[in-house]
C-alpha atoms as a PDB file:
ATOM      1  CA  UNK A   1      77.738 103.469  97.210  1.00  0.00           C
ATOM      2  CA  UNK A   2      80.295 106.250  97.534  1.00  0.00           C
ATOM      3  CA  UNK A   3      83.887 106.350  98.698  1.00  0.00           C
ATOM      4  CA  UNK A   4      83.352 107.657 102.222  1.00  0.00           C
ATOM      5  CA  UNK A   5      87.016 107.408 103.203  1.00  0.00           C
ATOM      6  CA  UNK A   6      88.886 109.357 100.523  1.00  0.00           C
ATOM      7  CA  UNK A   7      85.918 111.009  98.762  1.00  0.00           C
ATOM      8  CA  UNK A   8      86.893 109.561  95.392  1.00  0.00           C
ATOM      9  CA  UNK A   9      84.342 110.979  92.914  1.00  0.00           C
ATOM     10  CA  UNK A  10      81.609 108.788  91.512  1.00  0.00           C
ATOM     11  CA  UNK A  11      79.389 105.995  92.763  1.00  0.00           C
ATOM     12  CA  UNK A  12      80.181 102.285  92.876  1.00  0.00           C
ATOM     13  CA  UNK A  13      78.165  99.076  92.958  1.00  0.00           C
ATOM     14  CA  UNK A  14      78.450  95.679  94.610  1.00  0.00           C
ATOM     15  CA  UNK A  15      76.824  92.726  92.878  1.00  0.00           C
ATOM     16  CA  UNK A  16      76.191  89.167  94.016  1.00  0.00           C
ATOM     17  CA  UNK A  17      76.869  86.016  92.043  1.00  0.00           C
ATOM     18  CA  UNK A  18      73.594  84.088  91.772  1.00  0.00           C
ATOM     19  CA  UNK A  19      75.532  80.797  91.656  1.00  0.00           C
ATOM     20  CA  UNK A  20      78.037  80.925  94.537  1.00  0.00           C
ATOM     21  CA  UNK A  21      76.892  84.012  96.460  1.00  0.00           C
ATOM     22  CA  UNK A  22      80.182  85.897  96.123  1.00  0.00           C
ATOM     23  CA  UNK A  23      79.899  89.671  96.484  1.00  0.00           C
ATOM     24  CA  UNK A  24      82.184  91.775  94.305  1.00  0.00           C
ATOM     25  CA  UNK A  25      82.606  95.352  93.142  1.00  0.00           C
ATOM     26  CA  UNK A  26      81.381  95.767  89.581  1.00  0.00           C
ATOM     27  CA  UNK A  27      82.629  97.494  87.607  1.00  0.00           C
ATOM     28  CA  UNK A  28      86.015  97.841  89.262  1.00  0.00           C
ATOM     29  CA  UNK A  29      88.572 100.532  88.360  1.00  0.00           C
ATOM     30  CA  UNK A  30      90.474  99.848  85.163  1.00  0.00           C
ATOM     31  CA  UNK A  31      93.734  98.008  85.829  1.00  0.00           C
ATOM     32  CA  UNK A  32      95.890 100.799  84.383  1.00  0.00           C
ATOM     33  CA  UNK A  33      94.319 103.290  86.834  1.00  0.00           C
ATOM     34  CA  UNK A  34      94.741 101.221  90.006  1.00  0.00           C
ATOM     35  CA  UNK A  35      98.419 102.097  90.745  1.00  0.00           C
ATOM     36  CA  UNK A  36      97.634 105.801  90.454  1.00  0.00           C
ATOM     37  CA  UNK A  37      94.628 105.448  92.762  1.00  0.00           C
ATOM     38  CA  UNK A  38      96.688 103.767  95.459  1.00  0.00           C
ATOM     39  CA  UNK A  39      99.585 106.197  95.226  1.00  0.00           C
ATOM     40  CA  UNK A  40      97.223 109.187  95.347  1.00  0.00           C
ATOM     41  CA  UNK A  41      94.750 108.127  98.025  1.00  0.00           C
ATOM     42  CA  UNK A  42      96.706 105.698 100.183  1.00  0.00           C
ATOM     43  CA  UNK A  43      99.328 107.221 102.469  1.00  0.00           C
ATOM     44  CA  UNK A  44     101.663 104.368 101.646  1.00  0.00           C
ATOM     45  CA  UNK A  45     103.473 104.490 104.965  1.00  0.00           C
ATOM     46  CA  UNK A  46     101.542 101.861 106.904  1.00  0.00           C
ATOM     47  CA  UNK A  47      97.954 100.732 106.515  1.00  0.00           C
ATOM     48  CA  UNK A  48      98.363  98.479 109.537  1.00  0.00           C
ATOM     49  CA  UNK A  49      96.984 101.044 111.978  1.00  0.00           C
ATOM     50  CA  UNK A  50      96.114  98.507 114.646  1.00  0.00           C
ATOM     51  CA  UNK A  51      99.701  97.290 114.731  1.00  0.00           C
ATOM     52  CA  UNK A  52     101.001 100.834 115.098  1.00  0.00           C
ATOM     53  CA  UNK A  53      98.565 101.453 117.944  1.00  0.00           C
ATOM     54  CA  UNK A  54      99.926  98.383 119.682  1.00  0.00           C
ATOM     55  CA  UNK A  55     103.431  99.756 119.290  1.00  0.00           C
ATOM     56  CA  UNK A  56     102.458 102.881 121.241  1.00  0.00           C
ATOM     57  CA  UNK A  57     101.877 100.750 124.328  1.00  0.00           C
ATOM     58  CA  UNK A  58     104.718  98.333 123.627  1.00  0.00           C
ATOM     59  CA  UNK A  59     106.717  99.475 126.698  1.00  0.00           C
ATOM     60  CA  UNK A  60     103.900  98.055 128.827  1.00  0.00           C
ATOM     61  CA  UNK A  61     104.535  94.608 127.371  1.00  0.00           C
ATOM     62  CA  UNK A  62     108.341  94.697 127.684  1.00  0.00           C
ATOM     63  CA  UNK A  63     108.606  91.897 125.153  1.00  0.00           C
ATOM     64  CA  UNK A  64     105.994  89.715 126.897  1.00  0.00           C
ATOM     65  CA  UNK A  65     104.246  87.871 124.061  1.00  0.00           C
ATOM     66  CA  UNK A  66     101.556  86.551 126.412  1.00  0.00           C
ATOM     67  CA  UNK A  67     100.482  90.069 127.362  1.00  0.00           C
ATOM     68  CA  UNK A  68     100.736  91.153 123.738  1.00  0.00           C
ATOM     69  CA  UNK A  69      98.484  88.288 122.695  1.00  0.00           C
ATOM     70  CA  UNK A  70      95.991  89.189 125.434  1.00  0.00           C
ATOM     71  CA  UNK A  71      95.905  92.789 124.218  1.00  0.00           C
ATOM     72  CA  UNK A  72      95.297  91.744 120.621  1.00  0.00           C
ATOM     73  CA  UNK A  73      92.562  89.324 121.697  1.00  0.00           C
ATOM     74  CA  UNK A  74      90.896  92.093 123.677  1.00  0.00           C
ATOM     75  CA  UNK A  75      90.997  94.359 120.616  1.00  0.00           C
ATOM     76  CA  UNK A  76      89.781  91.631 118.254  1.00  0.00           C
ATOM     77  CA  UNK A  77      92.991  91.489 116.217  1.00  0.00           C
ATOM     78  CA  UNK A  78      94.927  88.522 114.938  1.00  0.00           C
ATOM     79  CA  UNK A  79      98.447  89.878 115.344  1.00  0.00           C
ATOM     80  CA  UNK A  80      99.001  88.312 118.748  1.00  0.00           C
ATOM     81  CA  UNK A  81      98.443  84.863 117.243  1.00  0.00           C
ATOM     82  CA  UNK A  82     100.691  85.631 114.292  1.00  0.00           C
ATOM     83  CA  UNK A  83     103.485  86.757 116.598  1.00  0.00           C
ATOM     84  CA  UNK A  84     103.075  83.514 118.531  1.00  0.00           C
ATOM     85  CA  UNK A  85     102.753  81.098 115.602  1.00  0.00           C
ATOM     86  CA  UNK A  86     104.880  82.598 112.812  1.00  0.00           C
ATOM     87  CA  UNK A  87     108.191  80.838 112.267  1.00  0.00           C
ATOM     88  CA  UNK A  88     111.042  80.468 109.796  1.00  0.00           C
ATOM     89  CA  UNK A  89     110.834  82.403 106.554  1.00  0.00           C
ATOM     90  CA  UNK A  90     107.855  84.751 106.707  1.00  0.00           C
ATOM     91  CA  UNK A  91     106.310  86.580 103.754  1.00  0.00           C
ATOM     92  CA  UNK A  92     104.118  89.575 104.600  1.00  0.00           C
ATOM     93  CA  UNK A  93     102.040  90.430 101.519  1.00  0.00           C
ATOM     94  CA  UNK A  94     101.087  94.109 101.614  1.00  0.00           C
ATOM     95  CA  UNK A  95     103.585  94.840 104.375  1.00  0.00           C
ATOM     96  CA  UNK A  96     103.169  98.646 104.477  1.00  0.00           C
ATOM     97  CA  UNK A  97     106.300 100.182 105.948  1.00  0.00           C
ATOM     98  CA  UNK A  98     107.325  96.873 107.516  1.00  0.00           C
ATOM     99  CA  UNK A  99     106.257  97.318 111.151  1.00  0.00           C
ATOM    100  CA  UNK A 100     105.077  93.731 111.522  1.00  0.00           C
ATOM    101  CA  UNK A 101     108.132  92.408 109.678  1.00  0.00           C
ATOM    102  CA  UNK A 102     110.421  94.203 112.115  1.00  0.00           C
ATOM    103  CA  UNK A 103     108.598  92.671 115.054  1.00  0.00           C
ATOM    104  CA  UNK A 104     108.733  89.175 113.580  1.00  0.00           C
ATOM    105  CA  UNK A 105     112.426  89.483 112.849  1.00  0.00           C
ATOM    106  CA  UNK A 106     113.056  90.466 116.467  1.00  0.00           C
ATOM    107  CA  UNK A 107     111.414  87.152 117.377  1.00  0.00           C
ATOM    108  CA  UNK A 108     113.839  85.237 115.166  1.00  0.00           C
ATOM    109  CA  UNK A 109     111.923  84.985 111.884  1.00  0.00           C
ATOM    110  CA  UNK A 110     113.499  85.678 108.495  1.00  0.00           C
ATOM    111  CA  UNK A 111     111.360  88.431 107.049  1.00  0.00           C
ATOM    112  CA  UNK A 112     110.327  89.053 103.441  1.00  0.00           C
ATOM    113  CA  UNK A 113     107.773  91.561 102.266  1.00  0.00           C
ATOM    114  CA  UNK A 114     105.786  92.599  99.210  1.00  0.00           C
ATOM    115  CA  UNK A 115     104.336  96.092  98.962  1.00  0.00           C
ATOM    116  CA  UNK A 116     102.724  97.564  95.812  1.00  0.00           C
ATOM    117  CA  UNK A 117     103.032 101.153  97.033  1.00  0.00           C
ATOM    118  CA  UNK A 118     106.413 102.471  95.943  1.00  0.00           C
ATOM    119  CA  UNK A 119     106.868 104.975  98.780  1.00  0.00           C
ATOM    120  CA  UNK A 120     106.061 102.375 101.442  1.00  0.00           C
ATOM    121  CA  UNK A 121     108.340  99.790  99.817  1.00  0.00           C
ATOM    122  CA  UNK A 122     111.142 102.352  99.653  1.00  0.00           C
ATOM    123  CA  UNK A 123     110.662 103.112 103.356  1.00  0.00           C
ATOM    124  CA  UNK A 124     111.135  99.411 104.095  1.00  0.00           C
ATOM    125  CA  UNK A 125     114.252  99.171 101.946  1.00  0.00           C
ATOM    126  CA  UNK A 126     115.763 102.203 103.665  1.00  0.00           C
ATOM    127  CA  UNK A 127     115.304 100.412 106.978  1.00  0.00           C
ATOM    128  CA  UNK A 128     117.192  97.409 105.600  1.00  0.00           C
ATOM    129  CA  UNK A 129     114.160  95.132 105.201  1.00  0.00           C
ATOM    130  CA  UNK A 130     113.983  92.570 102.404  1.00  0.00           C
ATOM    131  CA  UNK A 131     110.946  94.039 100.657  1.00  0.00           C
ATOM    132  CA  UNK A 132     110.031  94.006  96.968  1.00  0.00           C
ATOM    133  CA  UNK A 133     107.759  96.569  95.361  1.00  0.00           C
ATOM    134  CA  UNK A 134     105.076  94.816  93.327  1.00  0.00           C
ATOM    135  CA  UNK A 135     102.457  92.079  93.596  1.00  0.00           C
ATOM    136  CA  UNK A 136     102.928  88.390  94.342  1.00  0.00           C
ATOM    137  CA  UNK A 137     102.022  87.059  90.903  1.00  0.00           C
ATOM    138  CA  UNK A 138     104.788  89.146  89.301  1.00  0.00           C
ATOM    139  CA  UNK A 139     107.542  88.030  91.709  1.00  0.00           C
ATOM    140  CA  UNK A 140     109.393  84.712  91.425  1.00  0.00           C
ATOM    141  CA  UNK A 141     110.017  82.922  94.711  1.00  0.00           C
ATOM    142  CA  UNK A 142     111.257  79.302  94.817  1.00  0.00           C
ATOM    143  CA  UNK A 143     108.691  76.579  95.390  1.00  0.00           C
ATOM    144  CA  UNK A 144     108.308  75.377  99.001  1.00  0.00           C
ATOM    145  CA  UNK A 145     110.276  78.387 100.241  1.00  0.00           C
ATOM    146  CA  UNK A 146     108.234  80.050 103.014  1.00  0.00           C
ATOM    147  CA  UNK A 147     107.105  78.722 106.373  1.00  0.00           C
ATOM    148  CA  UNK A 148     104.530  81.467 106.964  1.00  0.00           C
ATOM    149  CA  UNK A 149     102.555  83.821 104.705  1.00  0.00           C
ATOM    150  CA  UNK A 150     100.562  86.755 106.083  1.00  0.00           C
ATOM    151  CA  UNK A 151      97.726  88.507 104.231  1.00  0.00           C
ATOM    152  CA  UNK A 152      96.469  91.301 106.518  1.00  0.00           C
ATOM    153  CA  UNK A 153      93.560  93.087 104.810  1.00  0.00           C
ATOM    154  CA  UNK A 154      94.962  92.128 101.400  1.00  0.00           C
ATOM    155  CA  UNK A 155      92.788  89.432  99.848  1.00  0.00           C
ATOM    156  CA  UNK A 156      89.841  91.801  99.324  1.00  0.00           C
ATOM    157  CA  UNK A 157      92.076  94.100  97.226  1.00  0.00           C
ATOM    158  CA  UNK A 158      93.288  91.403  94.828  1.00  0.00           C
ATOM    159  CA  UNK A 159      92.114  91.193  91.200  1.00  0.00           C
ATOM    160  CA  UNK A 160      92.099  87.386  91.564  1.00  0.00           C
ATOM    161  CA  UNK A 161      92.214  86.003  95.129  1.00  0.00           C
ATOM    162  CA  UNK A 162      92.103  82.446  93.816  1.00  0.00           C
ATOM    163  CA  UNK A 163      95.183  82.765  91.593  1.00  0.00           C
ATOM    164  CA  UNK A 164      97.079  84.525  94.385  1.00  0.00           C
ATOM    165  CA  UNK A 165      96.261  81.779  96.885  1.00  0.00           C
ATOM    166  CA  UNK A 166      97.400  79.198  94.341  1.00  0.00           C
ATOM    167  CA  UNK A 167     100.726  81.046  94.127  1.00  0.00           C
ATOM    168  CA  UNK A 168     100.905  81.167  97.934  1.00  0.00           C
ATOM    169  CA  UNK A 169     100.317  77.413  98.030  1.00  0.00           C
ATOM    170  CA  UNK A 170     103.161  76.899  95.567  1.00  0.00           C
ATOM    171  CA  UNK A 171     105.782  78.920  97.463  1.00  0.00           C
ATOM    172  CA  UNK A 172     104.733  77.634 100.902  1.00  0.00           C
ATOM    173  CA  UNK A 173     106.505  74.657 102.445  1.00  0.00           C
ATOM    174  CA  UNK A 174     104.453  71.565 103.344  1.00  0.00           C
ATOM    175  CA  UNK A 175     103.208  72.202 106.859  1.00  0.00           C
ATOM    176  CA  UNK A 176     103.488  75.960 106.345  1.00  0.00           C
ATOM    177  CA  UNK A 177     100.724  78.290 107.485  1.00  0.00           C
ATOM    178  CA  UNK A 178      98.802  81.153 105.885  1.00  0.00           C
ATOM    179  CA  UNK A 179      97.125  83.857 107.993  1.00  0.00           C
ATOM    180  CA  UNK A 180      94.282  85.812 106.346  1.00  0.00           C
ATOM    181  CA  UNK A 181      92.331  88.688 107.858  1.00  0.00           C
ATOM    182  CA  UNK A 182      89.634  90.612 105.976  1.00  0.00           C
ATOM    183  CA  UNK A 183      86.209  92.273 106.465  1.00  0.00           C
ATOM    184  CA  UNK A 184      83.151  90.043 106.835  1.00  0.00           C
ATOM    185  CA  UNK A 185      80.346  91.267 104.562  1.00  0.00           C
ATOM    186  CA  UNK A 186      77.824  89.251 106.586  1.00  0.00           C
ATOM    187  CA  UNK A 187      78.568  90.924 109.928  1.00  0.00           C
ATOM    188  CA  UNK A 188      76.207  92.645 112.341  1.00  0.00           C
ATOM    189  CA  UNK A 189      78.080  95.872 111.539  1.00  0.00           C
ATOM    190  CA  UNK A 190      76.914  95.769 107.909  1.00  0.00           C
ATOM    191  CA  UNK A 191      73.346  95.481 109.215  1.00  0.00           C
ATOM    192  CA  UNK A 192      73.971  98.466 111.512  1.00  0.00           C
ATOM    193  CA  UNK A 193      75.733 100.849 109.125  1.00  0.00           C
ATOM    194  CA  UNK A 194      74.489  99.604 105.722  1.00  0.00           C
ATOM    195  CA  UNK A 195      76.268 101.509 102.909  1.00  0.00           C
ATOM    196  CA  UNK A 196      78.207 103.609 105.462  1.00  0.00           C
ATOM    197  CA  UNK A 197      80.080 100.580 106.794  1.00  0.00           C
ATOM    198  CA  UNK A 198      83.824 101.214 106.568  1.00  0.00           C
ATOM    199  CA  UNK A 199      84.486  97.609 105.563  1.00  0.00           C
ATOM    200  CA  UNK A 200      83.019  98.087 102.078  1.00  0.00           C
ATOM    201  CA  UNK A 201      85.770 100.592 101.185  1.00  0.00           C
ATOM    202  CA  UNK A 202      84.790 101.030  97.539  1.00  0.00           C
ATOM    203  CA  UNK A 203      86.316 101.025  95.006  1.00  0.00           C
ATOM    204  CA  UNK A 204      89.515  99.732  96.641  1.00  0.00           C
ATOM    205  CA  UNK A 205      87.954  96.476  97.860  1.00  0.00           C
ATOM    206  CA  UNK A 206      87.206  94.274  94.867  1.00  0.00           C
ATOM    207  CA  UNK A 207      85.735  91.322  96.800  1.00  0.00           C
ATOM    208  CA  UNK A 208      83.546  91.210  99.908  1.00  0.00           C
ATOM    209  CA  UNK A 209      83.844  87.823 101.589  1.00  0.00           C
ATOM    210  CA  UNK A 210      81.528  86.052 104.003  1.00  0.00           C
ATOM    211  CA  UNK A 211      82.331  82.863 105.957  1.00  0.00           C
ATOM    212  CA  UNK A 212      80.509  80.891 103.264  1.00  0.00           C
ATOM    213  CA  UNK A 213      82.274  82.376 100.229  1.00  0.00           C
ATOM    214  CA  UNK A 214      85.672  82.299 101.967  1.00  0.00           C
ATOM    215  CA  UNK A 215      85.128  78.591 102.738  1.00  0.00           C
ATOM    216  CA  UNK A 216      84.328  77.943  99.072  1.00  0.00           C
ATOM    217  CA  UNK A 217      87.492  79.765  98.001  1.00  0.00           C
ATOM    218  CA  UNK A 218      89.697  77.802 100.409  1.00  0.00           C
ATOM    219  CA  UNK A 219      88.044  74.518  99.388  1.00  0.00           C
ATOM    220  CA  UNK A 220      88.942  75.179  95.746  1.00  0.00           C
ATOM    221  CA  UNK A 221      92.645  75.130  96.698  1.00  0.00           C
ATOM    222  CA  UNK A 222      94.510  72.320  98.429  1.00  0.00           C
ATOM    223  CA  UNK A 223      94.747  73.944 101.849  1.00  0.00           C
ATOM    224  CA  UNK A 224      93.814  72.420 105.181  1.00  0.00           C
ATOM    225  CA  UNK A 225      91.597  74.778 107.181  1.00  0.00           C
ATOM    226  CA  UNK A 226      92.986  75.174 110.690  1.00  0.00           C
ATOM    227  CA  UNK A 227      90.834  78.086 111.803  1.00  0.00           C
ATOM    228  CA  UNK A 228      88.010  80.177 110.403  1.00  0.00           C
ATOM    229  CA  UNK A 229      86.103  82.464 112.704  1.00  0.00           C
ATOM    230  CA  UNK A 230      84.718  85.964 112.800  1.00  0.00           C
ATOM    231  CA  UNK A 231      85.822  88.651 115.206  1.00  0.00           C
ATOM    232  CA  UNK A 232      85.053  92.359 115.582  1.00  0.00           C
ATOM    233  CA  UNK A 233      88.229  94.457 115.875  1.00  0.00           C
ATOM    234  CA  UNK A 234      88.537  97.801 117.571  1.00  0.00           C
ATOM    235  CA  UNK A 235      89.660  99.864 114.592  1.00  0.00           C
ATOM    236  CA  UNK A 236      86.921  99.582 111.907  1.00  0.00           C
ATOM    237  CA  UNK A 237      83.940 100.501 114.099  1.00  0.00           C
ATOM    238  CA  UNK A 238      85.276 104.000 115.025  1.00  0.00           C
ATOM    239  CA  UNK A 239      85.777 104.792 111.341  1.00  0.00           C
ATOM    240  CA  UNK A 240      82.264 103.615 110.468  1.00  0.00           C
ATOM    241  CA  UNK A 241      80.902 105.688 113.332  1.00  0.00           C
ATOM    242  CA  UNK A 242      82.712 108.777 112.067  1.00  0.00           C
ATOM    243  CA  UNK A 243      81.348 108.263 108.551  1.00  0.00           C
ATOM    244  CA  UNK A 244      77.838 107.848 109.984  1.00  0.00           C
ATOM    245  CA  UNK A 245      78.072 111.101 111.971  1.00  0.00           C
ATOM    246  CA  UNK A 246      79.538 113.024 109.037  1.00  0.00           C
ATOM    247  CA  UNK A 247      76.676 111.925 106.781  1.00  0.00           C
ATOM    248  CA  UNK A 248      73.694 111.454 109.102  1.00  0.00           C
ATOM    249  CA  UNK A 249      74.352 113.308 112.357  1.00  0.00           C
ATOM    250  CA  UNK A 250      76.388 116.367 111.396  1.00  0.00           C
ATOM    251  CA  UNK A 251      75.528 118.186 114.620  1.00  0.00           C
ATOM    252  CA  UNK A 252      77.795 115.747 116.449  1.00  0.00           C
ATOM    253  CA  UNK A 253      80.900 116.347 114.331  1.00  0.00           C
ATOM    254  CA  UNK A 254      82.573 118.030 117.311  1.00  0.00           C
ATOM    255  CA  UNK A 255      82.930 114.519 118.796  1.00  0.00           C
ATOM    256  CA  UNK A 256      85.027 113.503 115.789  1.00  0.00           C
ATOM    257  CA  UNK A 257      87.204 116.599 116.099  1.00  0.00           C
ATOM    258  CA  UNK A 258      87.869 115.733 119.744  1.00  0.00           C
ATOM    259  CA  UNK A 259      89.196 112.370 118.614  1.00  0.00           C
ATOM    260  CA  UNK A 260      87.049 110.461 121.113  1.00  0.00           C
ATOM    261  CA  UNK A 261      86.429 107.442 118.882  1.00  0.00           C
ATOM    262  CA  UNK A 262      90.139 106.967 118.192  1.00  0.00           C
ATOM    263  CA  UNK A 263      91.247 107.182 121.810  1.00  0.00           C
ATOM    264  CA  UNK A 264      92.762 104.082 123.407  1.00  0.00           C
ATOM    265  CA  UNK A 265      90.146 104.202 126.198  1.00  0.00           C
ATOM    266  CA  UNK A 266      87.209 104.151 123.750  1.00  0.00           C
ATOM    267  CA  UNK A 267      88.707 101.348 121.689  1.00  0.00           C
ATOM    268  CA  UNK A 268      89.451  99.145 124.678  1.00  0.00           C
ATOM    269  CA  UNK A 269      85.937  99.742 126.016  1.00  0.00           C
ATOM    270  CA  UNK A 270      84.464  98.944 122.610  1.00  0.00           C
ATOM    271  CA  UNK A 271      86.695  95.878 122.339  1.00  0.00           C
ATOM    272  CA  UNK A 272      85.314  94.457 125.574  1.00  0.00           C
ATOM    273  CA  UNK A 273      81.730  94.850 124.332  1.00  0.00           C
ATOM    274  CA  UNK A 274      82.621  93.414 120.921  1.00  0.00           C
ATOM    275  CA  UNK A 275      83.916  90.222 122.580  1.00  0.00           C
ATOM    276  CA  UNK A 276      80.479  89.808 124.154  1.00  0.00           C
ATOM    277  CA  UNK A 277      78.681  90.497 120.868  1.00  0.00           C
ATOM    278  CA  UNK A 278      80.931  88.080 118.989  1.00  0.00           C
ATOM    279  CA  UNK A 279      80.078  85.392 121.539  1.00  0.00           C
ATOM    280  CA  UNK A 280      76.356  86.067 121.158  1.00  0.00           C
ATOM    281  CA  UNK A 281      76.296  86.326 117.362  1.00  0.00           C
ATOM    282  CA  UNK A 282      78.527  83.544 116.083  1.00  0.00           C
ATOM    283  CA  UNK A 283      79.741  84.046 112.520  1.00  0.00           C
ATOM    284  CA  UNK A 284      78.624  87.691 112.484  1.00  0.00           C
ATOM    285  CA  UNK A 285      81.810  89.379 113.668  1.00  0.00           C
ATOM    286  CA  UNK A 286      83.119  92.249 111.568  1.00  0.00           C
ATOM    287  CA  UNK A 287      86.215  90.471 110.216  1.00  0.00           C
ATOM    288  CA  UNK A 288      87.138  87.009 109.043  1.00  0.00           C
ATOM    289  CA  UNK A 289      90.163  85.443 110.725  1.00  0.00           C
ATOM    290  CA  UNK A 290      91.514  82.486 108.761  1.00  0.00           C
ATOM    291  CA  UNK A 291      94.468  80.181 109.304  1.00  0.00           C
ATOM    292  CA  UNK A 292      95.347  77.618 106.640  1.00  0.00           C
ATOM    293  CA  UNK A 293      97.990  74.901 106.398  1.00  0.00           C
ATOM    294  CA  UNK A 294      99.583  73.376 103.302  1.00  0.00           C
ATOM    295  CA  UNK A 295      99.334  69.602 103.723  1.00  0.00           C
END
């Protein structure tokens, strides 16, 4: 496959483990090149686009968490549940510029963040947020310290998801919860878009989880599974559609320039239809939504 998002030169491959079925990018970029790739191709301000879109209509909610949760459900996002369930000390791994942390702190949580992109981490620090630039395995937090850990589109980027989840388990209090959200490589969108599916995002995504391989990963660590389901959000499909038009239907590029697929109306309309598709095709939604508890 190619990098259809940032046009990184070269082609990349996904292979499948014949033993456990795990899909992973192979070969992956060399570890010494990864920081430069992220700083060059990622904006570093906030990858959490769906959260920012919710902020644009925040005045409509006027602090009403019930309406906020309804909006996020409609759009196939997990943030409404996180805002409802997160409590105490919260660690947002890959926090971008801290938009979600700010919201959680307004709800009474004590916010901590980790962000590998230096410019994004600096933006958080300038806003007064308690954010560290780096990765979890290189940062020392006390054992049993956090009540909630959030991994929004993070686990697929990690060199070793298993070792990171073990570290999360160690720093999480008994009874604490972990929220994971990542693309589902076994979704009906992969069957529709094939190599043009935005969720592959090579070479930045190292692992490509399915409900089966995610269940095996969680089972290998002492977490209690509270929730594991698939859901199709409103923000990946428009990007896949744009990539498809740019590569297969170039005569329709004027639609992309008009910004139709990124409009709030289109995304809400798509979200309604995705809820129906998710109900019809169980386990085939575009993203995995996982909630775990430390016993």
